[in-house]
Amino acid sequence: MELLTAPIVPNPLTATDMSEVFAQVINALLLWAGAVALLFIIIGGFRFIVSMGNAEGVEKARNTVLYAVLGLILIFLAYLVVAYMLGDLLGVKPAYRIGS
């Protein structure tokens, strides 16, 4: 009678240290947040086109683009803070470096 063995599941992360796993998760979240902000900029541009001069539609489109750009700025600032914390405090190099 054969014993059942657990299947081997490959590790999708390349990190072996908990701080490196944390860095990869943060980088992935920042990437997705940037993609969502970019999607909202595109949606705002589409709303501008579809509004055809309607004041209410133009205002909604303008607010969508404004908040998406503010979100991108916030994401960039969050990245700077996280890169500093990971690099200086934990000694982990983030996946994307700004500057040299």
PDB file of N, CA and C in Angstrom:
ATOM      1  N   MET A   1       0.836  -1.161   0.000  1.00  0.00           N
ATOM      2  CA  MET A   1       0.000   0.000   0.000  1.00  0.00           C
ATOM      3  C   MET A   1       0.894   1.242   0.000  1.00  0.00           C
ATOM      4  N   GLU A   2       0.588   2.162  -0.896  1.00  0.00           N
ATOM      5  CA  GLU A   2       1.385   3.376  -1.040  1.00  0.00           C
ATOM      6  C   GLU A   2       0.897   4.451  -0.089  1.00  0.00           C
ATOM      7  N   LEU A   3       1.845   5.171   0.475  1.00  0.00           N
ATOM      8  CA  LEU A   3       1.483   6.313   1.311  1.00  0.00           C
ATOM      9  C   LEU A   3       1.285   7.526   0.420  1.00  0.00           C
ATOM     10  N   LEU A   4       0.286   8.306   0.732  1.00  0.00           N
ATOM     11  CA  LEU A   4       0.045   9.523  -0.022  1.00  0.00           C
ATOM     12  C   LEU A   4       1.012  10.593   0.450  1.00  0.00           C
ATOM     13  N   THR A   5       1.606  11.286  -0.502  1.00  0.00           N
ATOM     14  CA  THR A   5       2.507  12.376  -0.143  1.00  0.00           C
ATOM     15  C   THR A   5       1.884  13.695  -0.563  1.00  0.00           C
ATOM     16  N   ALA A   6       2.242  14.712   0.143  1.00  0.00           N
ATOM     17  CA  ALA A   6       1.730  16.043  -0.176  1.00  0.00           C
ATOM     18  C   ALA A   6       2.376  16.526  -1.470  1.00  0.00           C
ATOM     19  N   PRO A   7       1.608  17.182  -2.315  1.00  0.00           N
ATOM     20  CA  PRO A   7       2.192  17.690  -3.560  1.00  0.00           C
ATOM     21  C   PRO A   7       3.196  18.801  -3.266  1.00  0.00           C
ATOM     22  N   ILE A   8       4.178  18.905  -4.108  1.00  0.00           N
ATOM     23  CA  ILE A   8       5.184  19.951  -3.956  1.00  0.00           C
ATOM     24  C   ILE A   8       4.690  21.185  -4.692  1.00  0.00           C
ATOM     25  N   VAL A   9       4.553  22.267  -3.947  1.00  0.00           N
ATOM     26  CA  VAL A   9       4.077  23.520  -4.517  1.00  0.00           C
ATOM     27  C   VAL A   9       5.281  24.449  -4.656  1.00  0.00           C
ATOM     28  N   PRO A  10       5.563  24.885  -5.888  1.00  0.00           N
ATOM     29  CA  PRO A  10       6.721  25.777  -6.045  1.00  0.00           C
ATOM     30  C   PRO A  10       6.458  27.139  -5.412  1.00  0.00           C
ATOM     31  N   ASN A  11       7.511  27.755  -4.917  1.00  0.00           N
ATOM     32  CA  ASN A  11       7.411  29.058  -4.283  1.00  0.00           C
ATOM     33  C   ASN A  11       7.394  30.134  -5.366  1.00  0.00           C
ATOM     34  N   PRO A  12       6.300  30.912  -5.494  1.00  0.00           N
ATOM     35  CA  PRO A  12       6.260  31.952  -6.528  1.00  0.00           C
ATOM     36  C   PRO A  12       7.134  33.153  -6.202  1.00  0.00           C
ATOM     37  N   LEU A  13       7.526  33.278  -4.947  1.00  0.00           N
ATOM     38  CA  LEU A  13       8.378  34.386  -4.543  1.00  0.00           C
ATOM     39  C   LEU A  13       9.837  33.961  -4.634  1.00  0.00           C
ATOM     40  N   THR A  14      10.682  34.892  -5.021  1.00  0.00           N
ATOM     41  CA  THR A  14      12.103  34.589  -5.096  1.00  0.00           C
ATOM     42  C   THR A  14      12.805  34.886  -3.783  1.00  0.00           C
ATOM     43  N   ALA A  15      12.091  35.406  -2.816  1.00  0.00           N
ATOM     44  CA  ALA A  15      12.685  35.797  -1.546  1.00  0.00           C
ATOM     45  C   ALA A  15      12.689  34.631  -0.569  1.00  0.00           C
ATOM     46  N   THR A  16      13.697  34.633   0.259  1.00  0.00           N
ATOM     47  CA  THR A  16      13.766  33.625   1.304  1.00  0.00           C
ATOM     48  C   THR A  16      13.662  34.248   2.687  1.00  0.00           C
ATOM     49  N   ASP A  17      13.884  35.560   2.771  1.00  0.00           N
ATOM     50  CA  ASP A  17      13.833  36.293   4.029  1.00  0.00           C
ATOM     51  C   ASP A  17      12.484  37.009   4.140  1.00  0.00           C
ATOM     52  N   MET A  18      11.973  37.154   5.347  1.00  0.00           N
ATOM     53  CA  MET A  18      10.667  37.787   5.537  1.00  0.00           C
ATOM     54  C   MET A  18      10.675  39.245   5.084  1.00  0.00           C
ATOM     55  N   SER A  19      11.774  39.954   5.285  1.00  0.00           N
ATOM     56  CA  SER A  19      11.827  41.350   4.857  1.00  0.00           C
ATOM     57  C   SER A  19      11.798  41.456   3.332  1.00  0.00           C
ATOM     58  N   GLU A  20      12.393  40.497   2.631  1.00  0.00           N
ATOM     59  CA  GLU A  20      12.339  40.497   1.168  1.00  0.00           C
ATOM     60  C   GLU A  20      10.928  40.176   0.673  1.00  0.00           C
ATOM     61  N   VAL A  21      10.239  39.295   1.360  1.00  0.00           N
ATOM     62  CA  VAL A  21       8.847  38.996   1.015  1.00  0.00           C
ATOM     63  C   VAL A  21       8.002  40.257   1.194  1.00  0.00           C
ATOM     64  N   PHE A  22       8.228  40.955   2.288  1.00  0.00           N
ATOM     65  CA  PHE A  22       7.523  42.205   2.555  1.00  0.00           C
ATOM     66  C   PHE A  22       7.784  43.211   1.443  1.00  0.00           C
ATOM     67  N   ALA A  23       9.038  43.317   0.998  1.00  0.00           N
ATOM     68  CA  ALA A  23       9.394  44.239  -0.077  1.00  0.00           C
ATOM     69  C   ALA A  23       8.691  43.867  -1.381  1.00  0.00           C
ATOM     70  N   GLN A  24       8.624  42.592  -1.694  1.00  0.00           N
ATOM     71  CA  GLN A  24       7.958  42.165  -2.923  1.00  0.00           C
ATOM     72  C   GLN A  24       6.457  42.437  -2.868  1.00  0.00           C
ATOM     73  N   VAL A  25       5.844  42.237  -1.731  1.00  0.00           N
ATOM     74  CA  VAL A  25       4.413  42.496  -1.588  1.00  0.00           C
ATOM     75  C   VAL A  25       4.139  43.995  -1.738  1.00  0.00           C
ATOM     76  N   ILE A  26       4.953  44.829  -1.103  1.00  0.00           N
ATOM     77  CA  ILE A  26       4.776  46.283  -1.205  1.00  0.00           C
ATOM     78  C   ILE A  26       4.961  46.735  -2.648  1.00  0.00           C
ATOM     79  N   ASN A  27       5.985  46.232  -3.333  1.00  0.00           N
ATOM     80  CA  ASN A  27       6.204  46.610  -4.727  1.00  0.00           C
ATOM     81  C   ASN A  27       5.034  46.191  -5.613  1.00  0.00           C
ATOM     82  N   ALA A  28       4.478  45.013  -5.365  1.00  0.00           N
ATOM     83  CA  ALA A  28       3.336  44.551  -6.152  1.00  0.00           C
ATOM     84  C   ALA A  28       2.115  45.435  -5.895  1.00  0.00           C
ATOM     85  N   LEU A  29       1.881  45.801  -4.641  1.00  0.00           N
ATOM     86  CA  LEU A  29       0.744  46.666  -4.319  1.00  0.00           C
ATOM     87  C   LEU A  29       0.892  48.046  -4.953  1.00  0.00           C
ATOM     88  N   LEU A  30       2.102  48.596  -4.928  1.00  0.00           N
ATOM     89  CA  LEU A  30       2.323  49.897  -5.548  1.00  0.00           C
ATOM     90  C   LEU A  30       2.136  49.825  -7.062  1.00  0.00           C
ATOM     91  N   LEU A  31       2.561  48.727  -7.660  1.00  0.00           N
ATOM     92  CA  LEU A  31       2.370  48.545  -9.102  1.00  0.00           C
ATOM     93  C   LEU A  31       0.885  48.497  -9.452  1.00  0.00           C
ATOM     94  N   TRP A  32       0.108  47.743  -8.690  1.00  0.00           N
ATOM     95  CA  TRP A  32      -1.334  47.652  -8.958  1.00  0.00           C
ATOM     96  C   TRP A  32      -2.024  48.983  -8.710  1.00  0.00           C
ATOM     97  N   ALA A  33      -1.613  49.696  -7.675  1.00  0.00           N
ATOM     98  CA  ALA A  33      -2.216  51.000  -7.401  1.00  0.00           C
ATOM     99  C   ALA A  33      -1.940  51.976  -8.534  1.00  0.00           C
ATOM    100  N   GLY A  34      -0.736  51.953  -9.068  1.00  0.00           N
ATOM    101  CA  GLY A  34      -0.404  52.804 -10.209  1.00  0.00           C
ATOM    102  C   GLY A  34      -1.214  52.444 -11.438  1.00  0.00           C
ATOM    103  N   ALA A  35      -1.424  51.155 -11.660  1.00  0.00           N
ATOM    104  CA  ALA A  35      -2.220  50.722 -12.806  1.00  0.00           C
ATOM    105  C   ALA A  35      -3.672  51.171 -12.668  1.00  0.00           C
ATOM    106  N   VAL A  36      -4.217  51.097 -11.471  1.00  0.00           N
ATOM    107  CA  VAL A  36      -5.598  51.539 -11.235  1.00  0.00           C
ATOM    108  C   VAL A  36      -5.713  53.050 -11.441  1.00  0.00           C
ATOM    109  N   ALA A  37      -4.727  53.813 -10.957  1.00  0.00           N
ATOM    110  CA  ALA A  37      -4.747  55.268 -11.156  1.00  0.00           C
ATOM    111  C   ALA A  37      -4.683  55.598 -12.644  1.00  0.00           C
ATOM    112  N   LEU A  38      -3.851  54.890 -13.387  1.00  0.00           N
ATOM    113  CA  LEU A  38      -3.765  55.108 -14.834  1.00  0.00           C
ATOM    114  C   LEU A  38      -5.096  54.779 -15.513  1.00  0.00           C
ATOM    115  N   LEU A  39      -5.746  53.719 -15.074  1.00  0.00           N
ATOM    116  CA  LEU A  39      -7.053  53.359 -15.622  1.00  0.00           C
ATOM    117  C   LEU A  39      -8.068  54.478 -15.381  1.00  0.00           C
ATOM    118  N   PHE A  40      -8.033  55.087 -14.199  1.00  0.00           N
ATOM    119  CA  PHE A  40      -8.971  56.174 -13.915  1.00  0.00           C
ATOM    120  C   PHE A  40      -8.660  57.429 -14.718  1.00  0.00           C
ATOM    121  N   ILE A  41      -7.395  57.660 -15.036  1.00  0.00           N
ATOM    122  CA  ILE A  41      -7.066  58.775 -15.926  1.00  0.00           C
ATOM    123  C   ILE A  41      -7.665  58.533 -17.305  1.00  0.00           C
ATOM    124  N   ILE A  42      -7.570  57.315 -17.785  1.00  0.00           N
ATOM    125  CA  ILE A  42      -8.159  56.966 -19.081  1.00  0.00           C
ATOM    126  C   ILE A  42      -9.678  57.108 -19.030  1.00  0.00           C
ATOM    127  N   ILE A  43     -10.296  56.650 -17.948  1.00  0.00           N
ATOM    128  CA  ILE A  43     -11.752  56.786 -17.799  1.00  0.00           C
ATOM    129  C   ILE A  43     -12.150  58.257 -17.774  1.00  0.00           C
ATOM    130  N   GLY A  44     -11.388  59.091 -17.079  1.00  0.00           N
ATOM    131  CA  GLY A  44     -11.675  60.522 -17.043  1.00  0.00           C
ATOM    132  C   GLY A  44     -11.566  61.152 -18.417  1.00  0.00           C
ATOM    133  N   GLY A  45     -10.554  60.757 -19.195  1.00  0.00           N
ATOM    134  CA  GLY A  45     -10.431  61.261 -20.561  1.00  0.00           C
ATOM    135  C   GLY A  45     -11.603  60.834 -21.424  1.00  0.00           C
ATOM    136  N   PHE A  46     -12.034  59.599 -21.244  1.00  0.00           N
ATOM    137  CA  PHE A  46     -13.200  59.113 -21.996  1.00  0.00           C
ATOM    138  C   PHE A  46     -14.449  59.903 -21.610  1.00  0.00           C
ATOM    139  N   ARG A  47     -14.579  60.227 -20.323  1.00  0.00           N
ATOM    140  CA  ARG A  47     -15.729  61.028 -19.877  1.00  0.00           C
ATOM    141  C   ARG A  47     -15.702  62.430 -20.492  1.00  0.00           C
ATOM    142  N   PHE A  48     -14.498  63.007 -20.631  1.00  0.00           N
ATOM    143  CA  PHE A  48     -14.384  64.302 -21.297  1.00  0.00           C
ATOM    144  C   PHE A  48     -14.924  64.229 -22.713  1.00  0.00           C
ATOM    145  N   ILE A  49     -14.562  63.186 -23.419  1.00  0.00           N
ATOM    146  CA  ILE A  49     -14.996  63.044 -24.808  1.00  0.00           C
ATOM    147  C   ILE A  49     -16.502  62.841 -24.883  1.00  0.00           C
ATOM    148  N   VAL A  50     -17.032  62.005 -24.014  1.00  0.00           N
ATOM    149  CA  VAL A  50     -18.447  61.648 -24.058  1.00  0.00           C
ATOM    150  C   VAL A  50     -19.336  62.792 -23.565  1.00  0.00           C
ATOM    151  N   SER A  51     -18.824  63.663 -22.695  1.00  0.00           N
ATOM    152  CA  SER A  51     -19.663  64.719 -22.118  1.00  0.00           C
ATOM    153  C   SER A  51     -20.106  65.755 -23.153  1.00  0.00           C
ATOM    154  N   MET A  52     -19.367  65.936 -24.216  1.00  0.00           N
ATOM    155  CA  MET A  52     -19.705  66.854 -25.315  1.00  0.00           C
ATOM    156  C   MET A  52     -20.075  68.248 -24.816  1.00  0.00           C
ATOM    157  N   GLY A  53     -19.314  68.778 -23.871  1.00  0.00           N
ATOM    158  CA  GLY A  53     -19.544  70.137 -23.411  1.00  0.00           C
ATOM    159  C   GLY A  53     -20.558  70.270 -22.293  1.00  0.00           C
ATOM    160  N   ASN A  54     -21.211  69.207 -21.909  1.00  0.00           N
ATOM    161  CA  ASN A  54     -22.152  69.248 -20.795  1.00  0.00           C
ATOM    162  C   ASN A  54     -21.380  69.605 -19.526  1.00  0.00           C
ATOM    163  N   ALA A  55     -21.791  70.669 -18.853  1.00  0.00           N
ATOM    164  CA  ALA A  55     -21.040  71.185 -17.703  1.00  0.00           C
ATOM    165  C   ALA A  55     -20.908  70.146 -16.591  1.00  0.00           C
ATOM    166  N   GLU A  56     -21.970  69.418 -16.319  1.00  0.00           N
ATOM    167  CA  GLU A  56     -21.919  68.412 -15.258  1.00  0.00           C
ATOM    168  C   GLU A  56     -20.988  67.262 -15.636  1.00  0.00           C
ATOM    169  N   GLY A  57     -21.051  66.825 -16.875  1.00  0.00           N
ATOM    170  CA  GLY A  57     -20.183  65.748 -17.342  1.00  0.00           C
ATOM    171  C   GLY A  57     -18.720  66.149 -17.366  1.00  0.00           C
ATOM    172  N   VAL A  58     -18.450  67.396 -17.780  1.00  0.00           N
ATOM    173  CA  VAL A  58     -17.075  67.887 -17.803  1.00  0.00           C
ATOM    174  C   VAL A  58     -16.527  67.973 -16.378  1.00  0.00           C
ATOM    175  N   GLU A  59     -17.350  68.418 -15.451  1.00  0.00           N
ATOM    176  CA  GLU A  59     -16.917  68.519 -14.051  1.00  0.00           C
ATOM    177  C   GLU A  59     -16.599  67.139 -13.478  1.00  0.00           C
ATOM    178  N   LYS A  60     -17.425  66.133 -13.770  1.00  0.00           N
ATOM    179  CA  LYS A  60     -17.157  64.769 -13.295  1.00  0.00           C
ATOM    180  C   LYS A  60     -15.867  64.227 -13.902  1.00  0.00           C
ATOM    181  N   ALA A  61     -15.673  64.475 -15.198  1.00  0.00           N
ATOM    182  CA  ALA A  61     -14.453  64.015 -15.860  1.00  0.00           C
ATOM    183  C   ALA A  61     -13.235  64.704 -15.274  1.00  0.00           C
ATOM    184  N   ARG A  62     -13.344  66.000 -15.046  1.00  0.00           N
ATOM    185  CA  ARG A  62     -12.233  66.760 -14.480  1.00  0.00           C
ATOM    186  C   ARG A  62     -11.880  66.242 -13.093  1.00  0.00           C
ATOM    187  N   ASN A  63     -12.889  65.971 -12.281  1.00  0.00           N
ATOM    188  CA  ASN A  63     -12.639  65.439 -10.939  1.00  0.00           C
ATOM    189  C   ASN A  63     -12.012  64.053 -11.002  1.00  0.00           C
ATOM    190  N   THR A  64     -12.453  63.220 -11.939  1.00  0.00           N
ATOM    191  CA  THR A  64     -11.876  61.883 -12.080  1.00  0.00           C
ATOM    192  C   THR A  64     -10.397  61.968 -12.403  1.00  0.00           C
ATOM    193  N   VAL A  65     -10.039  62.816 -13.361  1.00  0.00           N
ATOM    194  CA  VAL A  65      -8.629  62.959 -13.732  1.00  0.00           C
ATOM    195  C   VAL A  65      -7.840  63.582 -12.589  1.00  0.00           C
ATOM    196  N   LEU A  66      -8.396  64.597 -11.949  1.00  0.00           N
ATOM    197  CA  LEU A  66      -7.709  65.264 -10.841  1.00  0.00           C
ATOM    198  C   LEU A  66      -7.406  64.282  -9.715  1.00  0.00           C
ATOM    199  N   TYR A  67      -8.399  63.502  -9.304  1.00  0.00           N
ATOM    200  CA  TYR A  67      -8.192  62.569  -8.206  1.00  0.00           C
ATOM    201  C   TYR A  67      -7.253  61.431  -8.604  1.00  0.00           C
ATOM    202  N   ALA A  68      -7.276  61.029  -9.861  1.00  0.00           N
ATOM    203  CA  ALA A  68      -6.353  59.994 -10.317  1.00  0.00           C
ATOM    204  C   ALA A  68      -4.914  60.507 -10.303  1.00  0.00           C
ATOM    205  N   VAL A  69      -4.710  61.748 -10.729  1.00  0.00           N
ATOM    206  CA  VAL A  69      -3.362  62.324 -10.696  1.00  0.00           C
ATOM    207  C   VAL A  69      -2.897  62.508  -9.254  1.00  0.00           C
ATOM    208  N   LEU A  70      -3.783  62.972  -8.385  1.00  0.00           N
ATOM    209  CA  LEU A  70      -3.434  63.071  -6.968  1.00  0.00           C
ATOM    210  C   LEU A  70      -3.108  61.690  -6.386  1.00  0.00           C
ATOM    211  N   GLY A  71      -3.826  60.678  -6.830  1.00  0.00           N
ATOM    212  CA  GLY A  71      -3.529  59.316  -6.402  1.00  0.00           C
ATOM    213  C   GLY A  71      -2.157  58.859  -6.870  1.00  0.00           C
ATOM    214  N   LEU A  72      -1.795  59.200  -8.111  1.00  0.00           N
ATOM    215  CA  LEU A  72      -0.462  58.853  -8.605  1.00  0.00           C
ATOM    216  C   LEU A  72       0.626  59.551  -7.803  1.00  0.00           C
ATOM    217  N   ILE A  73       0.405  60.806  -7.464  1.00  0.00           N
ATOM    218  CA  ILE A  73       1.379  61.532  -6.645  1.00  0.00           C
ATOM    219  C   ILE A  73       1.505  60.873  -5.277  1.00  0.00           C
ATOM    220  N   LEU A  74       0.374  60.496  -4.697  1.00  0.00           N
ATOM    221  CA  LEU A  74       0.390  59.825  -3.402  1.00  0.00           C
ATOM    222  C   LEU A  74       1.101  58.478  -3.488  1.00  0.00           C
ATOM    223  N   ILE A  75       0.878  57.742  -4.565  1.00  0.00           N
ATOM    224  CA  ILE A  75       1.551  56.457  -4.763  1.00  0.00           C
ATOM    225  C   ILE A  75       3.058  56.654  -4.867  1.00  0.00           C
ATOM    226  N   PHE A  76       3.480  57.682  -5.612  1.00  0.00           N
ATOM    227  CA  PHE A  76       4.898  57.957  -5.752  1.00  0.00           C
ATOM    228  C   PHE A  76       5.520  58.318  -4.401  1.00  0.00           C
ATOM    229  N   LEU A  77       4.842  59.156  -3.627  1.00  0.00           N
ATOM    230  CA  LEU A  77       5.351  59.511  -2.302  1.00  0.00           C
ATOM    231  C   LEU A  77       5.388  58.296  -1.374  1.00  0.00           C
ATOM    232  N   ALA A  78       4.378  57.438  -1.481  1.00  0.00           N
ATOM    233  CA  ALA A  78       4.373  56.214  -0.677  1.00  0.00           C
ATOM    234  C   ALA A  78       5.540  55.324  -1.057  1.00  0.00           C
ATOM    235  N   TYR A  79       5.850  55.274  -2.358  1.00  0.00           N
ATOM    236  CA  TYR A  79       6.991  54.470  -2.792  1.00  0.00           C
ATOM    237  C   TYR A  79       8.286  55.013  -2.195  1.00  0.00           C
ATOM    238  N   LEU A  80       8.443  56.342  -2.200  1.00  0.00           N
ATOM    239  CA  LEU A  80       9.658  56.921  -1.635  1.00  0.00           C
ATOM    240  C   LEU A  80       9.803  56.578  -0.155  1.00  0.00           C
ATOM    241  N   VAL A  81       8.712  56.653   0.579  1.00  0.00           N
ATOM    242  CA  VAL A  81       8.748  56.336   2.003  1.00  0.00           C
ATOM    243  C   VAL A  81       9.071  54.858   2.209  1.00  0.00           C
ATOM    244  N   VAL A  82       8.417  53.999   1.449  1.00  0.00           N
ATOM    245  CA  VAL A  82       8.647  52.553   1.591  1.00  0.00           C
ATOM    246  C   VAL A  82      10.067  52.193   1.171  1.00  0.00           C
ATOM    247  N   ALA A  83      10.563  52.788   0.081  1.00  0.00           N
ATOM    248  CA  ALA A  83      11.927  52.504  -0.361  1.00  0.00           C
ATOM    249  C   ALA A  83      12.930  52.931   0.699  1.00  0.00           C
ATOM    250  N   TYR A  84      12.688  54.061   1.341  1.00  0.00           N
ATOM    251  CA  TYR A  84      13.576  54.509   2.413  1.00  0.00           C
ATOM    252  C   TYR A  84      13.532  53.541   3.589  1.00  0.00           C
ATOM    253  N   MET A  85      12.316  53.164   3.991  1.00  0.00           N
ATOM    254  CA  MET A  85      12.179  52.269   5.143  1.00  0.00           C
ATOM    255  C   MET A  85      12.814  50.920   4.871  1.00  0.00           C
ATOM    256  N   LEU A  86      12.545  50.360   3.693  1.00  0.00           N
ATOM    257  CA  LEU A  86      13.095  49.049   3.382  1.00  0.00           C
ATOM    258  C   LEU A  86      14.610  49.099   3.220  1.00  0.00           C
ATOM    259  N   GLY A  87      15.091  50.155   2.571  1.00  0.00           N
ATOM    260  CA  GLY A  87      16.520  50.236   2.303  1.00  0.00           C
ATOM    261  C   GLY A  87      17.346  50.582   3.527  1.00  0.00           C
ATOM    262  N   ASP A  88      16.953  51.604   4.240  1.00  0.00           N
ATOM    263  CA  ASP A  88      17.771  52.076   5.355  1.00  0.00           C
ATOM    264  C   ASP A  88      17.491  51.348   6.665  1.00  0.00           C
ATOM    265  N   LEU A  89      16.253  51.060   6.927  1.00  0.00           N
ATOM    266  CA  LEU A  89      15.928  50.452   8.212  1.00  0.00           C
ATOM    267  C   LEU A  89      16.042  48.930   8.207  1.00  0.00           C
ATOM    268  N   LEU A  90      15.630  48.285   7.105  1.00  0.00           N
ATOM    269  CA  LEU A  90      15.659  46.827   7.053  1.00  0.00           C
ATOM    270  C   LEU A  90      16.796  46.279   6.202  1.00  0.00           C
ATOM    271  N   GLY A  91      17.438  47.145   5.420  1.00  0.00           N
ATOM    272  CA  GLY A  91      18.558  46.694   4.594  1.00  0.00           C
ATOM    273  C   GLY A  91      18.154  45.932   3.352  1.00  0.00           C
ATOM    274  N   VAL A  92      16.922  46.121   2.887  1.00  0.00           N
ATOM    275  CA  VAL A  92      16.435  45.421   1.696  1.00  0.00           C
ATOM    276  C   VAL A  92      16.403  46.394   0.540  1.00  0.00           C
ATOM    277  N   LYS A  93      16.931  45.979  -0.600  1.00  0.00           N
ATOM    278  CA  LYS A  93      16.873  46.819  -1.789  1.00  0.00           C
ATOM    279  C   LYS A  93      15.531  46.590  -2.472  1.00  0.00           C
ATOM    280  N   PRO A  94      14.741  47.664  -2.699  1.00  0.00           N
ATOM    281  CA  PRO A  94      13.485  47.483  -3.416  1.00  0.00           C
ATOM    282  C   PRO A  94      13.748  47.124  -4.876  1.00  0.00           C
ATOM    283  N   ALA A  95      12.734  46.609  -5.542  1.00  0.00           N
ATOM    284  CA  ALA A  95      12.895  46.153  -6.918  1.00  0.00           C
ATOM    285  C   ALA A  95      13.222  47.296  -7.862  1.00  0.00           C
ATOM    286  N   TYR A  96      12.704  48.479  -7.584  1.00  0.00           N
ATOM    287  CA  TYR A  96      12.921  49.627  -8.452  1.00  0.00           C
ATOM    288  C   TYR A  96      13.631  50.703  -7.647  1.00  0.00           C
ATOM    289  N   ARG A  97      14.785  51.125  -8.128  1.00  0.00           N
ATOM    290  CA  ARG A  97      15.544  52.163  -7.440  1.00  0.00           C
ATOM    291  C   ARG A  97      15.398  53.479  -8.179  1.00  0.00           C
ATOM    292  N   ILE A  98      15.197  54.548  -7.447  1.00  0.00           N
ATOM    293  CA  ILE A  98      15.159  55.883  -8.017  1.00  0.00           C
ATOM    294  C   ILE A  98      16.538  56.484  -7.793  1.00  0.00           C
ATOM    295  N   GLY A  99      17.166  56.909  -8.859  1.00  0.00           N
ATOM    296  CA  GLY A  99      18.523  57.443  -8.763  1.00  0.00           C
ATOM    297  C   GLY A  99      19.534  56.322  -8.791  1.00  0.00           C
ATOM    298  N   SER A 100      20.743  56.616  -8.281  1.00  0.00           N
ATOM    299  CA  SER A 100      21.800  55.601  -8.334  1.00  0.00           C
ATOM    300  C   SER A 100      22.025  54.941  -7.003  1.00  0.00           C
TER     301      SER A 100
END
